[in-house]
Amino acid sequence: MLAKYWKKIGLLILIVACLFNITIKLVKKVSLTDSVKSTVSNTVDNVVTQITGKENNENNMENQ
């Protein structure tokens, strides 16, 4: 019986998995404003780290 309907059973499992995946993505969707705020904050943190790193390197070179 299973051998006769394995394609239909596989297709049904695939469809259910895809619908479950889509549902999860819609429920856990991050808003655009949160995404933009996160990106800007990470970028600002990286720039500040680079600037302070350059200042520390320059101070170390002057002290030597």
N, C-alpha and C. Protein backbone atom coordinates (compact mmCIF):
# COMPACT_ATOMS: atom_id res chain seq x y z
N MET A 1 0.83 -1.19 0.00
CA MET A 1 0.00 0.00 0.00
C MET A 1 0.88 1.26 0.00
N LEU A 2 1.89 1.26 0.85
CA LEU A 2 2.78 2.41 0.95
C LEU A 2 3.55 2.61 -0.36
N ALA A 3 3.95 1.51 -0.99
CA ALA A 3 4.71 1.60 -2.23
C ALA A 3 3.87 2.24 -3.34
N LYS A 4 2.59 2.04 -3.29
CA LYS A 4 1.72 2.57 -4.34
C LYS A 4 1.53 4.09 -4.21
N TYR A 5 1.54 4.59 -2.98
CA TYR A 5 1.21 6.00 -2.75
C TYR A 5 2.39 6.83 -2.21
N TRP A 6 3.62 6.35 -2.33
CA TRP A 6 4.75 7.04 -1.71
C TRP A 6 4.97 8.44 -2.28
N LYS A 7 4.70 8.65 -3.57
CA LYS A 7 4.88 9.99 -4.15
C LYS A 7 3.86 10.97 -3.56
N LYS A 8 2.63 10.54 -3.43
CA LYS A 8 1.59 11.42 -2.88
C LYS A 8 1.86 11.71 -1.41
N ILE A 9 2.32 10.72 -0.67
CA ILE A 9 2.63 10.92 0.74
C ILE A 9 3.81 11.88 0.89
N GLY A 10 4.83 11.71 0.07
CA GLY A 10 5.99 12.61 0.10
C GLY A 10 5.61 14.03 -0.26
N LEU A 11 4.75 14.19 -1.27
CA LEU A 11 4.30 15.51 -1.69
C LEU A 11 3.49 16.17 -0.58
N LEU A 12 2.65 15.40 0.07
CA LEU A 12 1.84 15.94 1.17
C LEU A 12 2.75 16.40 2.33
N ILE A 13 3.75 15.60 2.66
CA ILE A 13 4.69 15.98 3.72
C ILE A 13 5.45 17.24 3.33
N LEU A 14 5.86 17.34 2.07
CA LEU A 14 6.57 18.52 1.59
C LEU A 14 5.70 19.77 1.67
N ILE A 15 4.45 19.66 1.28
CA ILE A 15 3.54 20.82 1.32
C ILE A 15 3.31 21.26 2.76
N VAL A 16 3.10 20.31 3.66
CA VAL A 16 2.89 20.66 5.07
C VAL A 16 4.14 21.33 5.64
N ALA A 17 5.32 20.82 5.30
CA ALA A 17 6.56 21.41 5.79
C ALA A 17 6.74 22.84 5.27
N CYS A 18 6.43 23.06 4.01
CA CYS A 18 6.55 24.41 3.43
C CYS A 18 5.57 25.38 4.09
N LEU A 19 4.34 24.94 4.29
CA LEU A 19 3.36 25.80 4.95
C LEU A 19 3.76 26.12 6.39
N PHE A 20 4.31 25.14 7.08
CA PHE A 20 4.79 25.35 8.44
C PHE A 20 5.93 26.35 8.45
N ASN A 21 6.85 26.23 7.50
CA ASN A 21 7.99 27.15 7.39
C ASN A 21 7.51 28.57 7.12
N ILE A 22 6.57 28.73 6.21
CA ILE A 22 6.05 30.06 5.88
C ILE A 22 5.34 30.66 7.08
N THR A 23 4.57 29.85 7.79
CA THR A 23 3.86 30.34 8.97
C THR A 23 4.83 30.82 10.04
N ILE A 24 5.87 30.06 10.29
CA ILE A 24 6.87 30.45 11.28
C ILE A 24 7.53 31.77 10.89
N LYS A 25 7.87 31.93 9.61
CA LYS A 25 8.52 33.17 9.16
C LYS A 25 7.60 34.37 9.30
N LEU A 26 6.31 34.19 9.04
CA LEU A 26 5.37 35.30 9.18
C LEU A 26 5.16 35.68 10.64
N VAL A 27 5.14 34.70 11.52
CA VAL A 27 4.92 34.98 12.93
C VAL A 27 6.12 35.67 13.54
N LYS A 28 7.32 35.24 13.18
CA LYS A 28 8.55 35.79 13.77
C LYS A 28 9.15 36.91 12.93
N LYS A 29 8.36 37.54 12.09
CA LYS A 29 8.86 38.58 11.19
C LYS A 29 9.35 39.79 12.00
N VAL A 30 10.54 40.26 11.71
CA VAL A 30 11.12 41.42 12.37
C VAL A 30 10.68 42.66 11.59
N SER A 31 10.26 43.67 12.31
CA SER A 31 9.80 44.88 11.63
C SER A 31 10.97 45.60 10.97
N LEU A 32 10.66 46.38 9.96
CA LEU A 32 11.69 47.10 9.20
C LEU A 32 12.41 48.10 10.10
N THR A 33 11.69 48.79 10.95
CA THR A 33 12.33 49.78 11.81
C THR A 33 13.31 49.12 12.78
N ASP A 34 12.94 47.97 13.33
CA ASP A 34 13.86 47.27 14.22
C ASP A 34 15.10 46.83 13.48
N SER A 35 14.92 46.37 12.25
CA SER A 35 16.05 45.92 11.44
C SER A 35 16.99 47.09 11.13
N VAL A 36 16.41 48.23 10.76
CA VAL A 36 17.23 49.41 10.43
C VAL A 36 17.96 49.92 11.67
N LYS A 37 17.26 49.96 12.81
CA LYS A 37 17.91 50.42 14.05
C LYS A 37 19.07 49.52 14.42
N SER A 38 18.88 48.22 14.27
CA SER A 38 19.94 47.28 14.60
C SER A 38 21.15 47.47 13.69
N THR A 39 20.90 47.64 12.39
CA THR A 39 21.98 47.83 11.43
C THR A 39 22.75 49.12 11.71
N VAL A 40 22.03 50.20 11.97
CA VAL A 40 22.67 51.49 12.24
C VAL A 40 23.49 51.41 13.53
N SER A 41 22.92 50.78 14.55
CA SER A 41 23.66 50.69 15.81
C SER A 41 24.92 49.87 15.66
N ASN A 42 24.86 48.76 14.91
CA ASN A 42 26.05 47.95 14.68
C ASN A 42 27.10 48.72 13.89
N THR A 43 26.66 49.47 12.89
CA THR A 43 27.59 50.25 12.07
C THR A 43 28.27 51.33 12.91
N VAL A 44 27.50 52.03 13.73
CA VAL A 44 28.06 53.07 14.58
C VAL A 44 29.06 52.47 15.56
N ASP A 45 28.71 51.33 16.15
CA ASP A 45 29.64 50.67 17.07
C ASP A 45 30.94 50.30 16.38
N ASN A 46 30.85 49.80 15.15
CA ASN A 46 32.06 49.43 14.40
C ASN A 46 32.92 50.66 14.10
N VAL A 47 32.29 51.75 13.73
CA VAL A 47 33.04 52.97 13.42
C VAL A 47 33.73 53.50 14.67
N VAL A 48 33.01 53.51 15.78
CA VAL A 48 33.59 54.00 17.05
C VAL A 48 34.77 53.11 17.44
N THR A 49 34.62 51.81 17.29
CA THR A 49 35.71 50.89 17.63
C THR A 49 36.92 51.14 16.75
N GLN A 50 36.70 51.38 15.45
CA GLN A 50 37.81 51.64 14.54
C GLN A 50 38.51 52.94 14.89
N ILE A 51 37.72 53.96 15.24
CA ILE A 51 38.32 55.27 15.55
C ILE A 51 39.13 55.17 16.84
N THR A 52 38.56 54.54 17.86
CA THR A 52 39.30 54.43 19.12
C THR A 52 40.53 53.54 18.96
N GLY A 53 40.43 52.54 18.10
CA GLY A 53 41.59 51.69 17.82
C GLY A 53 42.70 52.46 17.15
N LYS A 54 42.36 53.34 16.21
CA LYS A 54 43.37 54.15 15.53
C LYS A 54 44.01 55.13 16.51
N GLU A 55 43.20 55.73 17.39
CA GLU A 55 43.75 56.67 18.37
C GLU A 55 44.69 55.96 19.32
N ASN A 56 44.32 54.75 19.73
CA ASN A 56 45.19 53.99 20.64
C ASN A 56 46.50 53.64 19.95
N ASN A 57 46.44 53.27 18.67
CA ASN A 57 47.66 52.95 17.93
C ASN A 57 48.55 54.17 17.78
N GLU A 58 47.96 55.33 17.51
CA GLU A 58 48.74 56.55 17.36
C GLU A 58 49.39 56.93 18.69
N ASN A 59 48.66 56.78 19.78
CA ASN A 59 49.20 57.11 21.11
C ASN A 59 50.34 56.15 21.46
N ASN A 60 50.19 54.89 21.12
CA ASN A 60 51.26 53.92 21.39
C ASN A 60 52.51 54.23 20.60
N MET A 61 52.34 54.67 19.35
CA MET A 61 53.50 54.99 18.50
C MET A 61 54.22 56.23 19.03
N GLU A 62 53.43 57.21 19.53
CA GLU A 62 54.05 58.44 20.05
C GLU A 62 54.82 58.15 21.34
N ASN A 63 54.33 57.25 22.14
CA ASN A 63 54.98 56.93 23.40
C ASN A 63 56.27 56.14 23.22
N GLN A 64 56.42 55.48 22.09
CA GLN A 64 57.62 54.67 21.86
C GLN A 64 58.69 55.56 21.37
